[in-house]
C-alpha atoms as a PDB file:
ATOM      1  CA  MET A   1      48.332 -49.729  54.849  1.00  0.00           C
ATOM      2  CA  ALA A   2      44.691 -49.709  53.313  1.00  0.00           C
ATOM      3  CA  GLY A   3      42.674 -47.872  55.230  1.00  0.00           C
ATOM      4  CA  THR A   4      45.419 -45.532  57.038  1.00  0.00           C
ATOM      5  CA  ALA A   5      45.161 -42.108  55.975  1.00  0.00           C
ATOM      6  CA  GLU A   6      48.748 -40.905  54.392  1.00  0.00           C
ATOM      7  CA  LYS A   7      50.365 -37.623  56.524  1.00  0.00           C
ATOM      8  CA  ASN A   8      50.511 -34.504  54.320  1.00  0.00           C
ATOM      9  CA  VAL A   9      54.421 -33.817  53.591  1.00  0.00           C
ATOM     10  CA  ALA A  10      54.901 -30.341  54.575  1.00  0.00           C
ATOM     11  CA  ILE A  11      57.345 -28.257  52.381  1.00  0.00           C
ATOM     12  CA  PRO A  12      60.255 -26.875  54.314  1.00  0.00           C
ATOM     13  CA  ASN A  13      59.953 -22.628  54.192  1.00  0.00           C
ATOM     14  CA  GLU A  14      63.549 -22.548  52.392  1.00  0.00           C
ATOM     15  CA  THR A  15      62.062 -24.838  49.197  1.00  0.00           C
ATOM     16  CA  TYR A  16      58.645 -23.043  49.371  1.00  0.00           C
ATOM     17  CA  SER A  17      60.151 -19.312  49.400  1.00  0.00           C
ATOM     18  CA  ARG A  18      62.497 -21.071  46.546  1.00  0.00           C
ATOM     19  CA  LEU A  19      59.893 -22.366  44.233  1.00  0.00           C
ATOM     20  CA  MET A  20      57.663 -19.473  44.536  1.00  0.00           C
ATOM     21  CA  GLY A  21      59.953 -17.298  43.294  1.00  0.00           C
ATOM     22  CA  PHE A  22      59.717 -19.076  39.356  1.00  0.00           C
ATOM     23  CA  VAL A  23      56.512 -18.572  40.149  1.00  0.00           C
ATOM     24  CA  ALA A  24      55.930 -15.180  40.622  1.00  0.00           C
ATOM     25  CA  GLY A  25      58.411 -14.809  37.590  1.00  0.00           C
ATOM     26  CA  MET A  26      55.832 -16.196  35.906  1.00  0.00           C
ATOM     27  CA  PHE A  27      53.523 -13.760  37.118  1.00  0.00           C
ATOM     28  CA  SER A  28      56.211 -10.861  35.560  1.00  0.00           C
ATOM     29  CA  GLY A  29      56.237 -12.563  32.667  1.00  0.00           C
ATOM     30  CA  PHE A  30      53.353 -12.322  31.799  1.00  0.00           C
ATOM     31  CA  ALA A  31      52.478  -8.700  32.572  1.00  0.00           C
ATOM     32  CA  LYS A  32      55.248  -7.013  30.863  1.00  0.00           C
ATOM     33  CA  ASN A  33      54.300  -9.055  27.576  1.00  0.00           C
ATOM     34  CA  ALA A  34      50.727  -7.359  27.771  1.00  0.00           C
ATOM     35  CA  VAL A  35      52.111  -4.090  28.251  1.00  0.00           C
ATOM     36  CA  GLY A  36      55.273  -3.832  26.144  1.00  0.00           C
ATOM     37  CA  HIS A  37      55.415  -5.969  23.194  1.00  0.00           C
ATOM     38  CA  PRO A  38      53.816  -2.795  20.651  1.00  0.00           C
ATOM     39  CA  PHE A  39      56.191  -0.655  21.731  1.00  0.00           C
ATOM     40  CA  ASP A  40      59.005  -3.774  21.455  1.00  0.00           C
ATOM     41  CA  THR A  41      58.350  -4.516  17.485  1.00  0.00           C
ATOM     42  CA  ILE A  42      58.607  -0.650  17.204  1.00  0.00           C
ATOM     43  CA  LYS A  43      62.056  -0.786  18.268  1.00  0.00           C
ATOM     44  CA  VAL A  44      63.199  -4.102  16.719  1.00  0.00           C
ATOM     45  CA  ARG A  45      62.085  -2.221  13.356  1.00  0.00           C
ATOM     46  CA  LEU A  46      64.054   0.858  13.546  1.00  0.00           C
ATOM     47  CA  GLN A  47      66.832  -1.393  15.207  1.00  0.00           C
ATOM     48  CA  THR A  48      66.694  -3.418  11.923  1.00  0.00           C
ATOM     49  CA  SER A  49      66.076  -1.064   9.111  1.00  0.00           C
ATOM     50  CA  GLN A  50      68.818  -1.426   6.602  1.00  0.00           C
ATOM     51  CA  ASP A  51      67.393   1.267   4.640  1.00  0.00           C
ATOM     52  CA  THR A  52      67.404   4.571   5.818  1.00  0.00           C
ATOM     53  CA  GLY A  53      64.275   5.998   3.931  1.00  0.00           C
ATOM     54  CA  ARG A  54      61.854   3.105   5.497  1.00  0.00           C
ATOM     55  CA  PHE A  55      60.974   5.026   8.327  1.00  0.00           C
ATOM     56  CA  ARG A  56      61.963   8.458   9.129  1.00  0.00           C
ATOM     57  CA  GLY A  57      61.298   7.892  13.020  1.00  0.00           C
ATOM     58  CA  PRO A  58      59.314   6.299  15.327  1.00  0.00           C
ATOM     59  CA  LEU A  59      56.213   8.002  14.869  1.00  0.00           C
ATOM     60  CA  ASP A  60      56.202   7.757  11.134  1.00  0.00           C
ATOM     61  CA  CYS A  61      56.815   3.681  11.666  1.00  0.00           C
ATOM     62  CA  VAL A  62      53.966   3.675  13.779  1.00  0.00           C
ATOM     63  CA  TYR A  63      52.237   4.992  11.637  1.00  0.00           C
ATOM     64  CA  GLN A  64      53.382   2.900   8.211  1.00  0.00           C
ATOM     65  CA  THR A  65      52.554  -0.189  10.716  1.00  0.00           C
ATOM     66  CA  MET A  66      49.201   0.730  11.389  1.00  0.00           C
ATOM     67  CA  LYS A  67      48.409   2.046   7.514  1.00  0.00           C
ATOM     68  CA  GLN A  68      49.905  -1.542   6.728  1.00  0.00           C
ATOM     69  CA  GLN A  69      48.848  -4.237   8.893  1.00  0.00           C
ATOM     70  CA  GLY A  70      46.841  -2.820  11.363  1.00  0.00           C
ATOM     71  CA  VAL A  71      46.778  -3.498  14.736  1.00  0.00           C
ATOM     72  CA  ARG A  72      47.456  -7.469  14.537  1.00  0.00           C
ATOM     73  CA  GLY A  73      51.501  -5.171  12.907  1.00  0.00           C
ATOM     74  CA  PHE A  74      52.405  -4.542  16.549  1.00  0.00           C
ATOM     75  CA  TYR A  75      51.819  -7.912  17.965  1.00  0.00           C
ATOM     76  CA  LEU A  76      53.826  -9.997  14.627  1.00  0.00           C
ATOM     77  CA  GLY A  77      55.866 -12.051  16.673  1.00  0.00           C
ATOM     78  CA  PHE A  78      53.718 -11.955  19.548  1.00  0.00           C
ATOM     79  CA  THR A  79      53.359 -15.604  20.732  1.00  0.00           C
ATOM     80  CA  PRO A  80      57.434 -16.134  21.410  1.00  0.00           C
ATOM     81  CA  PRO A  81      57.209 -13.540  23.777  1.00  0.00           C
ATOM     82  CA  LEU A  82      53.874 -14.356  25.443  1.00  0.00           C
ATOM     83  CA  VAL A  83      55.177 -17.709  26.356  1.00  0.00           C
ATOM     84  CA  GLY A  84      59.160 -16.629  26.127  1.00  0.00           C
ATOM     85  CA  TRP A  85      58.358 -13.975  28.432  1.00  0.00           C
ATOM     86  CA  ILE A  86      56.327 -15.927  31.373  1.00  0.00           C
ATOM     87  CA  LEU A  87      59.170 -18.529  30.427  1.00  0.00           C
ATOM     88  CA  MET A  88      62.012 -16.251  30.682  1.00  0.00           C
ATOM     89  CA  ASP A  89      61.064 -14.128  33.854  1.00  0.00           C
ATOM     90  CA  SER A  90      60.356 -16.986  35.903  1.00  0.00           C
ATOM     91  CA  VAL A  91      63.532 -18.612  35.150  1.00  0.00           C
ATOM     92  CA  MET A  92      65.395 -14.851  35.636  1.00  0.00           C
ATOM     93  CA  LEU A  93      63.346 -13.613  38.562  1.00  0.00           C
ATOM     94  CA  GLY A  94      63.451 -17.175  40.108  1.00  0.00           C
ATOM     95  CA  CYS A  95      67.013 -17.198  39.687  1.00  0.00           C
ATOM     96  CA  LEU A  96      67.326 -14.011  41.502  1.00  0.00           C
ATOM     97  CA  HIS A  97      65.815 -14.832  44.270  1.00  0.00           C
ATOM     98  CA  ASN A  98      67.351 -18.122  44.512  1.00  0.00           C
ATOM     99  CA  TYR A  99      70.570 -16.138  44.281  1.00  0.00           C
ATOM    100  CA  ARG A 100      69.363 -14.014  47.339  1.00  0.00           C
ATOM    101  CA  MET A 101      68.836 -16.152  48.946  1.00  0.00           C
ATOM    102  CA  LEU A 102      72.016 -17.800  48.712  1.00  0.00           C
ATOM    103  CA  LEU A 103      74.207 -15.585  48.800  1.00  0.00           C
ATOM    104  CA  LYS A 104      72.357 -14.108  52.235  1.00  0.00           C
ATOM    105  CA  LYS A 105      73.050 -17.393  53.483  1.00  0.00           C
ATOM    106  CA  TYR A 106      76.661 -18.477  52.617  1.00  0.00           C
ATOM    107  CA  VAL A 107      78.587 -15.068  51.775  1.00  0.00           C
ATOM    108  CA  TYR A 108      77.051 -12.282  53.150  1.00  0.00           C
ATOM    109  CA  THR A 109      76.255 -14.444  56.739  1.00  0.00           C
ATOM    110  CA  HIS A 110      76.607 -11.974  58.675  1.00  0.00           C
ATOM    111  CA  GLU A 111      74.482  -8.817  57.283  1.00  0.00           C
ATOM    112  CA  GLU A 112      71.306  -8.172  58.636  1.00  0.00           C
ATOM    113  CA  LYS A 113      70.265  -7.906  54.768  1.00  0.00           C
ATOM    114  CA  LEU A 114      71.761  -8.499  51.369  1.00  0.00           C
ATOM    115  CA  PRO A 115      74.198  -5.720  50.715  1.00  0.00           C
ATOM    116  CA  LEU A 116      74.372  -3.521  47.806  1.00  0.00           C
ATOM    117  CA  SER A 117      77.097  -5.619  46.089  1.00  0.00           C
ATOM    118  CA  GLY A 118      75.178  -8.785  46.978  1.00  0.00           C
ATOM    119  CA  CYS A 119      71.986  -7.299  44.747  1.00  0.00           C
ATOM    120  CA  ILE A 120      74.162  -6.765  41.859  1.00  0.00           C
ATOM    121  CA  LEU A 121      76.096  -9.976  41.958  1.00  0.00           C
ATOM    122  CA  SER A 122      72.603 -11.969  41.915  1.00  0.00           C
ATOM    123  CA  GLY A 123      71.061  -9.687  39.005  1.00  0.00           C
ATOM    124  CA  VAL A 124      73.586 -10.041  36.679  1.00  0.00           C
ATOM    125  CA  MET A 125      74.173 -14.331  37.545  1.00  0.00           C
ATOM    126  CA  ALA A 126      70.323 -14.162  37.066  1.00  0.00           C
ATOM    127  CA  GLY A 127      70.783 -12.735  33.255  1.00  0.00           C
ATOM    128  CA  TRP A 128      73.892 -14.636  32.550  1.00  0.00           C
ATOM    129  CA  SER A 129      71.602 -17.858  33.741  1.00  0.00           C
ATOM    130  CA  VAL A 130      68.067 -16.610  31.646  1.00  0.00           C
ATOM    131  CA  SER A 131      70.392 -16.028  28.519  1.00  0.00           C
ATOM    132  CA  PHE A 132      70.930 -19.370  27.732  1.00  0.00           C
ATOM    133  CA  ILE A 133      66.784 -19.603  27.046  1.00  0.00           C
ATOM    134  CA  ALA A 134      66.056 -16.307  25.942  1.00  0.00           C
ATOM    135  CA  ALA A 135      68.206 -16.844  23.330  1.00  0.00           C
ATOM    136  CA  PRO A 136      65.909 -19.245  20.834  1.00  0.00           C
ATOM    137  CA  VAL A 137      63.202 -17.085  22.488  1.00  0.00           C
ATOM    138  CA  GLU A 138      64.562 -13.553  21.328  1.00  0.00           C
ATOM    139  CA  LEU A 139      65.794 -14.974  17.758  1.00  0.00           C
ATOM    140  CA  ALA A 140      62.478 -16.238  16.664  1.00  0.00           C
ATOM    141  CA  LYS A 141      60.544 -13.359  17.855  1.00  0.00           C
ATOM    142  CA  ALA A 142      62.941 -10.745  16.197  1.00  0.00           C
ATOM    143  CA  LYS A 143      62.866 -12.826  12.679  1.00  0.00           C
ATOM    144  CA  LEU A 144      59.035 -12.429  12.783  1.00  0.00           C
ATOM    145  CA  GLN A 145      58.679  -8.654  13.677  1.00  0.00           C
ATOM    146  CA  VAL A 146      61.040  -7.757  10.419  1.00  0.00           C
ATOM    147  CA  GLN A 147      58.592  -9.712   8.332  1.00  0.00           C
ATOM    148  CA  TYR A 148      56.810  -6.202   6.441  1.00  0.00           C
ATOM    149  CA  ASP A 149      54.749  -7.784   3.834  1.00  0.00           C
ATOM    150  CA  ALA A 150      52.637 -11.304   4.816  1.00  0.00           C
ATOM    151  CA  SER A 151      53.236 -12.323   1.262  1.00  0.00           C
ATOM    152  CA  THR A 152      56.492 -12.834   0.914  1.00  0.00           C
ATOM    153  CA  ALA A 153      57.193 -13.847   4.869  1.00  0.00           C
ATOM    154  CA  LYS A 154      59.413 -16.275   5.221  1.00  0.00           C
ATOM    155  CA  TYR A 155      58.042 -17.503   8.004  1.00  0.00           C
ATOM    156  CA  LYS A 156      54.568 -18.903   9.118  1.00  0.00           C
ATOM    157  CA  GLY A 157      55.223 -18.358  13.254  1.00  0.00           C
ATOM    158  CA  PRO A 158      57.595 -19.349  15.624  1.00  0.00           C
ATOM    159  CA  ILE A 159      57.727 -22.771  15.386  1.00  0.00           C
ATOM    160  CA  ASP A 160      57.959 -22.407  11.652  1.00  0.00           C
ATOM    161  CA  VAL A 161      61.532 -20.157  12.580  1.00  0.00           C
ATOM    162  CA  ILE A 162      62.623 -22.928  15.238  1.00  0.00           C
ATOM    163  CA  ARG A 163      61.867 -25.856  12.666  1.00  0.00           C
ATOM    164  CA  LYS A 164      63.706 -24.140  10.004  1.00  0.00           C
ATOM    165  CA  VAL A 165      66.466 -22.189  11.657  1.00  0.00           C
ATOM    166  CA  TYR A 166      67.247 -25.750  13.276  1.00  0.00           C
ATOM    167  CA  GLY A 167      67.011 -27.408  10.025  1.00  0.00           C
ATOM    168  CA  VAL A 168      69.289 -25.925   8.824  1.00  0.00           C
ATOM    169  CA  ASN A 169      72.195 -24.811  11.352  1.00  0.00           C
ATOM    170  CA  GLY A 170      70.973 -26.876  14.030  1.00  0.00           C
ATOM    171  CA  VAL A 171      71.181 -26.043  17.676  1.00  0.00           C
ATOM    172  CA  ARG A 172      73.756 -23.933  16.797  1.00  0.00           C
ATOM    173  CA  GLY A 173      71.217 -21.701  14.635  1.00  0.00           C
ATOM    174  CA  LEU A 174      69.186 -21.465  17.836  1.00  0.00           C
ATOM    175  CA  TYR A 175      71.811 -20.189  19.860  1.00  0.00           C
ATOM    176  CA  LYS A 176      73.092 -17.976  17.283  1.00  0.00           C
ATOM    177  CA  GLY A 177      72.411 -14.743  19.238  1.00  0.00           C
ATOM    178  CA  LEU A 178      74.009 -16.578  22.456  1.00  0.00           C
ATOM    179  CA  ILE A 179      76.903 -14.160  23.016  1.00  0.00           C
ATOM    180  CA  SER A 180      75.477 -11.398  22.212  1.00  0.00           C
ATOM    181  CA  THR A 181      72.673 -12.249  25.083  1.00  0.00           C
ATOM    182  CA  LEU A 182      75.019 -12.575  27.250  1.00  0.00           C
ATOM    183  CA  ILE A 183      77.077  -9.128  26.615  1.00  0.00           C
ATOM    184  CA  PHE A 184      73.392  -7.616  26.737  1.00  0.00           C
ATOM    185  CA  ARG A 185      72.360  -8.647  30.241  1.00  0.00           C
ATOM    186  CA  THR A 186      75.133  -8.157  31.694  1.00  0.00           C
ATOM    187  CA  ASN A 187      73.935  -4.796  31.863  1.00  0.00           C
ATOM    188  CA  PHE A 188      71.750  -5.956  34.548  1.00  0.00           C
ATOM    189  CA  VAL A 189      74.518  -4.776  36.791  1.00  0.00           C
ATOM    190  CA  TYR A 190      73.352  -0.823  35.889  1.00  0.00           C
ATOM    191  CA  TRP A 191      69.316  -2.477  36.703  1.00  0.00           C
ATOM    192  CA  TRP A 192      69.149  -4.341  39.929  1.00  0.00           C
ATOM    193  CA  GLY A 193      71.871  -1.719  41.356  1.00  0.00           C
ATOM    194  CA  SER A 194      69.955   1.199  40.559  1.00  0.00           C
ATOM    195  CA  TYR A 195      66.809  -0.450  41.664  1.00  0.00           C
ATOM    196  CA  GLU A 196      67.648  -1.250  45.137  1.00  0.00           C
ATOM    197  CA  LEU A 197      68.864   1.645  45.460  1.00  0.00           C
ATOM    198  CA  LEU A 198      65.699   3.389  44.571  1.00  0.00           C
ATOM    199  CA  THR A 199      63.762   1.047  46.795  1.00  0.00           C
ATOM    200  CA  ARG A 200      65.914   2.308  49.251  1.00  0.00           C
ATOM    201  CA  TRP A 201      65.209   5.458  48.916  1.00  0.00           C
ATOM    202  CA  PHE A 202      61.839   5.357  48.439  1.00  0.00           C
ATOM    203  CA  LYS A 203      61.414   3.306  51.785  1.00  0.00           C
ATOM    204  CA  LYS A 204      63.687   6.076  53.347  1.00  0.00           C
ATOM    205  CA  ASN A 205      61.799   9.007  52.072  1.00  0.00           C
ATOM    206  CA  THR A 206      58.188   8.514  51.048  1.00  0.00           C
ATOM    207  CA  ASN A 207      55.436   6.934  52.604  1.00  0.00           C
ATOM    208  CA  MET A 208      54.609   4.276  49.327  1.00  0.00           C
ATOM    209  CA  SER A 209      52.773   1.409  49.583  1.00  0.00           C
ATOM    210  CA  ASP A 210      55.699  -1.684  49.133  1.00  0.00           C
ATOM    211  CA  THR A 211      53.845  -2.113  45.519  1.00  0.00           C
ATOM    212  CA  ALA A 212      54.138   1.201  44.886  1.00  0.00           C
ATOM    213  CA  ILE A 213      57.458   1.593  45.689  1.00  0.00           C
ATOM    214  CA  ASN A 214      58.362  -1.757  43.593  1.00  0.00           C
ATOM    215  CA  PHE A 215      56.471  -0.257  40.643  1.00  0.00           C
ATOM    216  CA  TRP A 216      58.407   3.181  40.369  1.00  0.00           C
ATOM    217  CA  ALA A 217      61.779   2.025  41.447  1.00  0.00           C
ATOM    218  CA  GLY A 218      61.304  -0.802  38.696  1.00  0.00           C
ATOM    219  CA  GLY A 219      60.438   1.277  35.942  1.00  0.00           C
ATOM    220  CA  PHE A 220      62.897   4.099  36.482  1.00  0.00           C
ATOM    221  CA  SER A 221      65.662   1.017  36.965  1.00  0.00           C
ATOM    222  CA  ALA A 222      64.798  -0.211  33.892  1.00  0.00           C
ATOM    223  CA  SER A 223      64.405   2.985  31.796  1.00  0.00           C
ATOM    224  CA  PHE A 224      67.314   5.164  33.274  1.00  0.00           C
ATOM    225  CA  GLY A 225      69.512   2.661  34.946  1.00  0.00           C
ATOM    226  CA  PHE A 226      69.633  -0.488  32.330  1.00  0.00           C
ATOM    227  CA  TRP A 227      68.280   1.317  29.039  1.00  0.00           C
ATOM    228  CA  THR A 228      70.242   3.909  28.355  1.00  0.00           C
ATOM    229  CA  THR A 229      73.424   1.828  29.155  1.00  0.00           C
ATOM    230  CA  ALA A 230      72.615  -1.661  27.895  1.00  0.00           C
ATOM    231  CA  TYR A 231      70.774  -0.330  24.575  1.00  0.00           C
ATOM    232  CA  PRO A 232      73.763  -0.056  22.042  1.00  0.00           C
ATOM    233  CA  SER A 233      74.341  -4.037  23.073  1.00  0.00           C
ATOM    234  CA  ASP A 234      70.733  -5.143  22.180  1.00  0.00           C
ATOM    235  CA  VAL A 235      71.044  -3.237  18.437  1.00  0.00           C
ATOM    236  CA  ILE A 236      73.990  -5.373  18.015  1.00  0.00           C
ATOM    237  CA  LYS A 237      72.311  -8.357  19.264  1.00  0.00           C
ATOM    238  CA  GLN A 238      69.446  -7.647  16.905  1.00  0.00           C
ATOM    239  CA  VAL A 239      71.468  -6.928  13.842  1.00  0.00           C
ATOM    240  CA  VAL A 240      73.012 -10.392  15.230  1.00  0.00           C
ATOM    241  CA  LEU A 241      69.614 -12.272  15.140  1.00  0.00           C
ATOM    242  CA  CYS A 242      68.130 -11.025  11.903  1.00  0.00           C
ATOM    243  CA  SER A 243      71.169 -11.250   9.757  1.00  0.00           C
ATOM    244  CA  ASP A 244      72.228 -14.543   7.959  1.00  0.00           C
ATOM    245  CA  LYS A 245      75.811 -13.621   7.682  1.00  0.00           C
ATOM    246  CA  TYR A 246      76.724 -13.630  11.606  1.00  0.00           C
ATOM    247  CA  ASP A 247      77.105 -16.469  13.192  1.00  0.00           C
ATOM    248  CA  GLY A 248      76.773 -15.358  16.610  1.00  0.00           C
ATOM    249  CA  SER A 249      79.996 -16.122  17.977  1.00  0.00           C
ATOM    250  CA  PHE A 250      82.158 -13.338  19.599  1.00  0.00           C
ATOM    251  CA  LYS A 251      83.675 -12.100  16.456  1.00  0.00           C
ATOM    252  CA  SER A 252      80.732 -11.754  14.704  1.00  0.00           C
ATOM    253  CA  TRP A 253      79.538  -9.473  17.709  1.00  0.00           C
ATOM    254  CA  ARG A 254      82.223  -7.317  16.741  1.00  0.00           C
ATOM    255  CA  MET A 255      82.129  -7.781  13.389  1.00  0.00           C
ATOM    256  CA  ALA A 256      77.988  -6.774  13.717  1.00  0.00           C
ATOM    257  CA  ALA A 257      78.978  -3.567  15.774  1.00  0.00           C
ATOM    258  CA  SER A 258      82.039  -2.793  13.298  1.00  0.00           C
ATOM    259  CA  ASP A 259      78.899  -2.614  10.248  1.00  0.00           C
ATOM    260  CA  ILE A 260      76.815  -0.685  12.480  1.00  0.00           C
ATOM    261  CA  TRP A 261      79.729   1.894  13.214  1.00  0.00           C
ATOM    262  CA  ARG A 262      80.890   1.999   9.555  1.00  0.00           C
ATOM    263  CA  THR A 263      77.406   2.283   8.084  1.00  0.00           C
ATOM    264  CA  ARG A 264      75.111   4.051  10.507  1.00  0.00           C
ATOM    265  CA  GLY A 265      77.812   5.997  12.488  1.00  0.00           C
ATOM    266  CA  LEU A 266      77.199   6.410  16.151  1.00  0.00           C
ATOM    267  CA  PRO A 267      73.389   7.190  15.944  1.00  0.00           C
ATOM    268  CA  GLY A 268      73.109   3.490  14.482  1.00  0.00           C
ATOM    269  CA  PHE A 269      73.735   2.252  17.977  1.00  0.00           C
ATOM    270  CA  PHE A 270      70.580   4.346  19.328  1.00  0.00           C
ATOM    271  CA  LYS A 271      68.092   3.502  16.554  1.00  0.00           C
ATOM    272  CA  GLY A 272      64.391   2.931  18.343  1.00  0.00           C
ATOM    273  CA  PHE A 273      66.249   3.999  21.220  1.00  0.00           C
ATOM    274  CA  VAL A 274      62.494   5.707  21.818  1.00  0.00           C
ATOM    275  CA  PRO A 275      59.717   3.435  22.040  1.00  0.00           C
ATOM    276  CA  SER A 276      61.987   0.894  23.638  1.00  0.00           C
ATOM    277  CA  PHE A 277      62.703   3.344  26.263  1.00  0.00           C
ATOM    278  CA  LEU A 278      59.385   4.474  26.542  1.00  0.00           C
ATOM    279  CA  ARG A 279      58.042   0.930  26.614  1.00  0.00           C
ATOM    280  CA  SER A 280      60.590   0.050  29.448  1.00  0.00           C
ATOM    281  CA  PHE A 281      58.741   1.748  32.102  1.00  0.00           C
ATOM    282  CA  PRO A 282      55.287   0.731  32.099  1.00  0.00           C
ATOM    283  CA  ALA A 283      56.333  -2.909  31.312  1.00  0.00           C
ATOM    284  CA  ASN A 284      59.819  -3.290  33.954  1.00  0.00           C
ATOM    285  CA  ALA A 285      57.471  -1.097  36.352  1.00  0.00           C
ATOM    286  CA  ALA A 286      54.581  -3.513  36.389  1.00  0.00           C
ATOM    287  CA  ALA A 287      56.490  -6.918  35.699  1.00  0.00           C
ATOM    288  CA  LEU A 288      58.650  -5.741  39.146  1.00  0.00           C
ATOM    289  CA  ALA A 289      55.565  -4.584  41.282  1.00  0.00           C
ATOM    290  CA  CYS A 290      53.774  -7.779  39.912  1.00  0.00           C
ATOM    291  CA  PHE A 291      56.810 -10.414  40.865  1.00  0.00           C
ATOM    292  CA  GLU A 292      57.286  -8.662  44.029  1.00  0.00           C
ATOM    293  CA  PHE A 293      53.558  -8.847  45.132  1.00  0.00           C
ATOM    294  CA  VAL A 294      53.436 -12.388  44.247  1.00  0.00           C
ATOM    295  CA  LEU A 295      56.129 -13.222  46.723  1.00  0.00           C
ATOM    296  CA  ARG A 296      54.831 -10.816  49.487  1.00  0.00           C
ATOM    297  CA  THR A 297      51.418 -12.296  49.404  1.00  0.00           C
ATOM    298  CA  SER A 298      52.774 -16.019  49.220  1.00  0.00           C
ATOM    299  CA  GLY A 299      54.885 -15.478  52.633  1.00  0.00           C
ATOM    300  CA  ALA A 300      57.824 -16.330  50.133  1.00  0.00           C
ATOM    301  CA  LYS A 301      59.326 -12.956  51.063  1.00  0.00           C
END
């Protein structure tokens, strides 16, 4: 009726909390990309370099990148993860938050707090969920990061990568790394398991603030819990994404793993480990501290 003020429709607390998980994830994605992208560029270049003489190690890769391309070289492929990490962390951490709530509500109904098994299960399910977003984003990022000479660059930017890959192979081409991505993110079992254990330990044995606990637990769990176990599968994933001879099926995942073993041996599965390891602590520490802080201050946790 005209002139009658409409009543405000209140959002239920549970719905608000579910939505804020995705919002907090967006802040996490921004923090992660701002801190970690230069490390990631060096990692991908070391992982995918077929010429074993191109780089003598991480420091040489840093030196050659700076010498040949300047600071801009470290931020090649920056746009996909800038948009992509905000989107992916929103989906991943939003799903993580929602899976935790659902498991607590319907599975661990008699538990005062979600147990370790629930934390691990929600983390792995979140990793699988975000893989369907991550696959094309990581494809565009990886293809741009391994372009060493602007004059011979095949792709002008992330949209050009998507357009050209889609034009040749359709949607299937954009998801050539899906199986590899799913396998890689199955290692979230170590990340979220160690994150929960470290968080509990810090709360019990220190007087640090919640934000500090999230920072240190996030950094240590990502670097020591996740990347030290998941790194070989990440190398395989990057090789699949950057090579035109793999189509992304499980058969091709095995082919890529076999090629790495045959041409580089066991060390081949750890190429680029140092910059990845160095990146993982600050990037994920900042990301998880930001995520948990937004959840707390919003009243969603």
